[in-house]
């Protein structure tokens, strides 16, 4: 079974405040409205662009999404 992007993102959490992916994952943990069951790039991208202020640059999401795709085959 394919895991959701959120599930993958939770594997990236950690204490390193200089690692952009870890910061993204840590903040997503606190976001109760994050689309936790989605594996749709468009749905998650739209949500992040319209609803969050903890992601300074969508490139971070794009890079993390690529790793998600590679790890979720």
N, C-alpha and C. Protein backbone atom coordinates (compact mmCIF):
# COMPACT_ATOMS: atom_id res chain seq x y z
N UNK A 1 0.83 -1.19 0.00
CA UNK A 1 0.00 0.00 0.00
C UNK A 1 0.88 1.25 0.00
N UNK A 2 0.51 2.18 -0.81
CA UNK A 2 1.24 3.42 -0.93
C UNK A 2 0.96 4.31 0.28
N UNK A 3 2.01 4.84 0.88
CA UNK A 3 1.80 5.70 2.04
C UNK A 3 1.58 7.15 1.60
N UNK A 4 0.93 7.90 2.44
CA UNK A 4 0.65 9.30 2.13
C UNK A 4 1.93 10.13 2.24
N UNK A 5 1.89 11.30 1.63
CA UNK A 5 3.02 12.20 1.73
C UNK A 5 3.27 12.59 3.17
N UNK A 6 2.20 12.84 3.91
CA UNK A 6 2.34 13.21 5.33
C UNK A 6 3.07 12.12 6.11
N UNK A 7 2.71 10.88 5.86
CA UNK A 7 3.37 9.77 6.55
C UNK A 7 4.87 9.77 6.24
N UNK A 8 5.21 9.97 4.97
CA UNK A 8 6.62 10.07 4.60
C UNK A 8 7.27 11.26 5.30
N UNK A 9 6.59 12.39 5.29
CA UNK A 9 7.14 13.61 5.88
C UNK A 9 7.45 13.42 7.37
N UNK A 10 6.64 12.63 8.04
CA UNK A 10 6.86 12.39 9.47
C UNK A 10 8.16 11.63 9.73
N UNK A 11 8.66 10.92 8.74
CA UNK A 11 9.94 10.21 8.92
C UNK A 11 11.12 11.17 8.86
N UNK A 12 10.88 12.41 8.45
CA UNK A 12 11.95 13.40 8.31
C UNK A 12 12.08 14.32 9.52
N UNK A 13 11.19 14.18 10.49
CA UNK A 13 11.24 15.05 11.67
C UNK A 13 12.55 14.88 12.41
N UNK A 14 12.97 15.96 13.08
CA UNK A 14 14.19 15.89 13.86
C UNK A 14 14.53 17.23 14.48
N UNK A 15 15.61 17.26 15.24
CA UNK A 15 15.98 18.46 15.98
C UNK A 15 16.81 19.49 15.20
N UNK A 16 17.18 19.17 13.98
CA UNK A 16 18.08 20.04 13.23
C UNK A 16 17.33 21.24 12.66
N UNK A 17 17.47 22.39 13.29
CA UNK A 17 16.72 23.57 12.86
C UNK A 17 17.33 24.24 11.62
N UNK A 18 18.45 23.72 11.14
CA UNK A 18 19.04 24.28 9.92
C UNK A 18 18.71 23.44 8.69
N UNK A 19 18.12 22.27 8.88
CA UNK A 19 17.73 21.42 7.76
C UNK A 19 16.29 21.78 7.37
N UNK A 20 16.11 22.31 6.19
CA UNK A 20 14.81 22.83 5.76
C UNK A 20 13.73 21.75 5.73
N UNK A 21 14.09 20.53 5.33
CA UNK A 21 13.10 19.45 5.30
C UNK A 21 12.66 19.07 6.71
N UNK A 22 13.59 19.06 7.66
CA UNK A 22 13.21 18.75 9.03
C UNK A 22 12.32 19.83 9.61
N UNK A 23 12.62 21.07 9.32
CA UNK A 23 11.79 22.17 9.79
C UNK A 23 10.38 22.05 9.19
N UNK A 24 10.31 21.75 7.89
CA UNK A 24 9.03 21.54 7.21
C UNK A 24 8.26 20.42 7.90
N UNK A 25 8.91 19.30 8.13
CA UNK A 25 8.25 18.15 8.76
C UNK A 25 7.80 18.48 10.18
N UNK A 26 8.64 19.14 10.95
CA UNK A 26 8.28 19.51 12.32
C UNK A 26 7.06 20.44 12.34
N UNK A 27 7.02 21.38 11.43
CA UNK A 27 5.89 22.31 11.37
C UNK A 27 4.62 21.62 10.88
N UNK A 28 4.75 20.72 9.93
CA UNK A 28 3.58 19.99 9.42
C UNK A 28 2.95 19.15 10.53
N UNK A 29 3.76 18.66 11.45
CA UNK A 29 3.26 17.89 12.58
C UNK A 29 2.26 18.70 13.39
N UNK A 30 2.52 19.99 13.52
CA UNK A 30 1.66 20.88 14.32
C UNK A 30 0.46 21.39 13.54
N UNK A 31 0.42 21.15 12.25
CA UNK A 31 -0.64 21.67 11.38
C UNK A 31 -1.80 20.68 11.35
N UNK A 32 -2.84 20.96 12.11
CA UNK A 32 -3.95 20.02 12.24
C UNK A 32 -4.80 19.91 10.97
N UNK A 33 -4.66 20.85 10.04
CA UNK A 33 -5.44 20.80 8.81
C UNK A 33 -4.66 20.25 7.61
N UNK A 34 -3.41 19.88 7.81
CA UNK A 34 -2.61 19.32 6.73
C UNK A 34 -3.33 18.11 6.14
N UNK A 35 -3.37 17.98 4.81
CA UNK A 35 -4.05 16.83 4.18
C UNK A 35 -3.27 15.53 4.41
N UNK A 36 -3.49 14.94 5.56
CA UNK A 36 -2.68 13.82 6.04
C UNK A 36 -2.79 12.53 5.22
N UNK A 37 -3.89 12.34 4.53
CA UNK A 37 -4.09 11.08 3.81
C UNK A 37 -3.86 11.21 2.31
N UNK A 38 -3.41 12.36 1.88
CA UNK A 38 -3.28 12.62 0.45
C UNK A 38 -1.93 12.15 -0.11
N UNK A 39 -2.00 11.69 -1.35
CA UNK A 39 -0.78 11.41 -2.11
C UNK A 39 -0.84 12.17 -3.44
N UNK A 40 -1.61 13.26 -3.44
CA UNK A 40 -1.80 14.09 -4.63
C UNK A 40 -0.93 15.35 -4.55
N UNK A 41 -0.03 15.48 -5.50
CA UNK A 41 0.84 16.66 -5.54
C UNK A 41 0.01 17.94 -5.58
N UNK A 42 -1.00 17.98 -6.44
CA UNK A 42 -1.79 19.20 -6.61
C UNK A 42 -2.52 19.57 -5.33
N UNK A 43 -3.13 18.60 -4.68
CA UNK A 43 -3.87 18.88 -3.45
C UNK A 43 -2.95 19.44 -2.36
N UNK A 44 -1.82 18.80 -2.16
CA UNK A 44 -0.91 19.24 -1.11
C UNK A 44 -0.26 20.56 -1.47
N UNK A 45 0.16 20.72 -2.70
CA UNK A 45 0.77 21.97 -3.15
C UNK A 45 -0.20 23.14 -2.99
N UNK A 46 -1.43 22.95 -3.42
CA UNK A 46 -2.45 24.00 -3.27
C UNK A 46 -2.67 24.34 -1.81
N UNK A 47 -2.75 23.32 -0.97
CA UNK A 47 -2.94 23.55 0.46
C UNK A 47 -1.80 24.39 1.02
N UNK A 48 -0.57 24.01 0.71
CA UNK A 48 0.59 24.71 1.25
C UNK A 48 0.65 26.16 0.76
N UNK A 49 0.37 26.36 -0.52
CA UNK A 49 0.42 27.72 -1.08
C UNK A 49 -0.65 28.63 -0.48
N UNK A 50 -1.81 28.08 -0.19
CA UNK A 50 -2.94 28.90 0.23
C UNK A 50 -3.11 29.02 1.75
N UNK A 51 -2.53 28.08 2.51
CA UNK A 51 -2.90 28.00 3.92
C UNK A 51 -1.77 28.05 4.94
N UNK A 52 -0.54 27.96 4.52
CA UNK A 52 0.51 27.89 5.55
C UNK A 52 1.49 29.06 5.43
N UNK A 53 2.06 29.39 6.58
CA UNK A 53 3.09 30.42 6.60
C UNK A 53 4.43 29.87 7.10
N UNK A 54 4.47 28.56 7.37
CA UNK A 54 5.70 27.96 7.87
C UNK A 54 6.62 27.44 6.77
N UNK A 55 6.20 27.53 5.53
CA UNK A 55 7.03 27.09 4.41
C UNK A 55 7.41 28.32 3.60
N UNK A 56 8.65 28.75 3.77
CA UNK A 56 9.11 29.98 3.14
C UNK A 56 9.27 29.86 1.64
N UNK A 57 9.51 28.65 1.17
CA UNK A 57 9.84 28.46 -0.24
C UNK A 57 9.24 27.14 -0.71
N UNK A 58 8.46 27.17 -1.77
CA UNK A 58 7.83 25.94 -2.27
C UNK A 58 8.86 24.98 -2.87
N UNK A 59 10.06 25.44 -3.13
CA UNK A 59 11.12 24.53 -3.60
C UNK A 59 11.40 23.44 -2.57
N UNK A 60 11.25 23.77 -1.29
CA UNK A 60 11.46 22.79 -0.23
C UNK A 60 10.43 21.66 -0.39
N UNK A 61 9.19 22.03 -0.63
CA UNK A 61 8.16 21.02 -0.86
C UNK A 61 8.48 20.20 -2.10
N UNK A 62 8.87 20.86 -3.19
CA UNK A 62 9.17 20.14 -4.43
C UNK A 62 10.30 19.14 -4.25
N UNK A 63 11.34 19.54 -3.53
CA UNK A 63 12.47 18.63 -3.28
C UNK A 63 12.02 17.45 -2.42
N UNK A 64 11.23 17.74 -1.41
CA UNK A 64 10.74 16.68 -0.53
C UNK A 64 9.80 15.75 -1.28
N UNK A 65 8.98 16.32 -2.16
CA UNK A 65 8.06 15.52 -2.97
C UNK A 65 8.83 14.55 -3.86
N UNK A 66 9.92 15.01 -4.47
CA UNK A 66 10.72 14.13 -5.32
C UNK A 66 11.28 12.96 -4.52
N UNK A 67 11.75 13.23 -3.32
CA UNK A 67 12.26 12.15 -2.46
C UNK A 67 11.13 11.20 -2.06
N UNK A 68 9.97 11.76 -1.81
CA UNK A 68 8.79 10.94 -1.49
C UNK A 68 8.49 9.98 -2.64
N UNK A 69 8.50 10.48 -3.87
CA UNK A 69 8.23 9.63 -5.03
C UNK A 69 9.27 8.53 -5.17
N UNK A 70 10.53 8.87 -4.94
CA UNK A 70 11.61 7.89 -5.07
C UNK A 70 11.51 6.82 -3.99
N UNK A 71 11.05 7.19 -2.80
CA UNK A 71 10.98 6.25 -1.67
C UNK A 71 9.65 5.52 -1.61
N UNK A 72 8.73 5.86 -2.48
CA UNK A 72 7.38 5.30 -2.39
C UNK A 72 7.01 4.50 -3.63
N UNK A 73 7.98 3.91 -4.27
CA UNK A 73 7.72 3.12 -5.47
C UNK A 73 7.29 1.73 -5.13
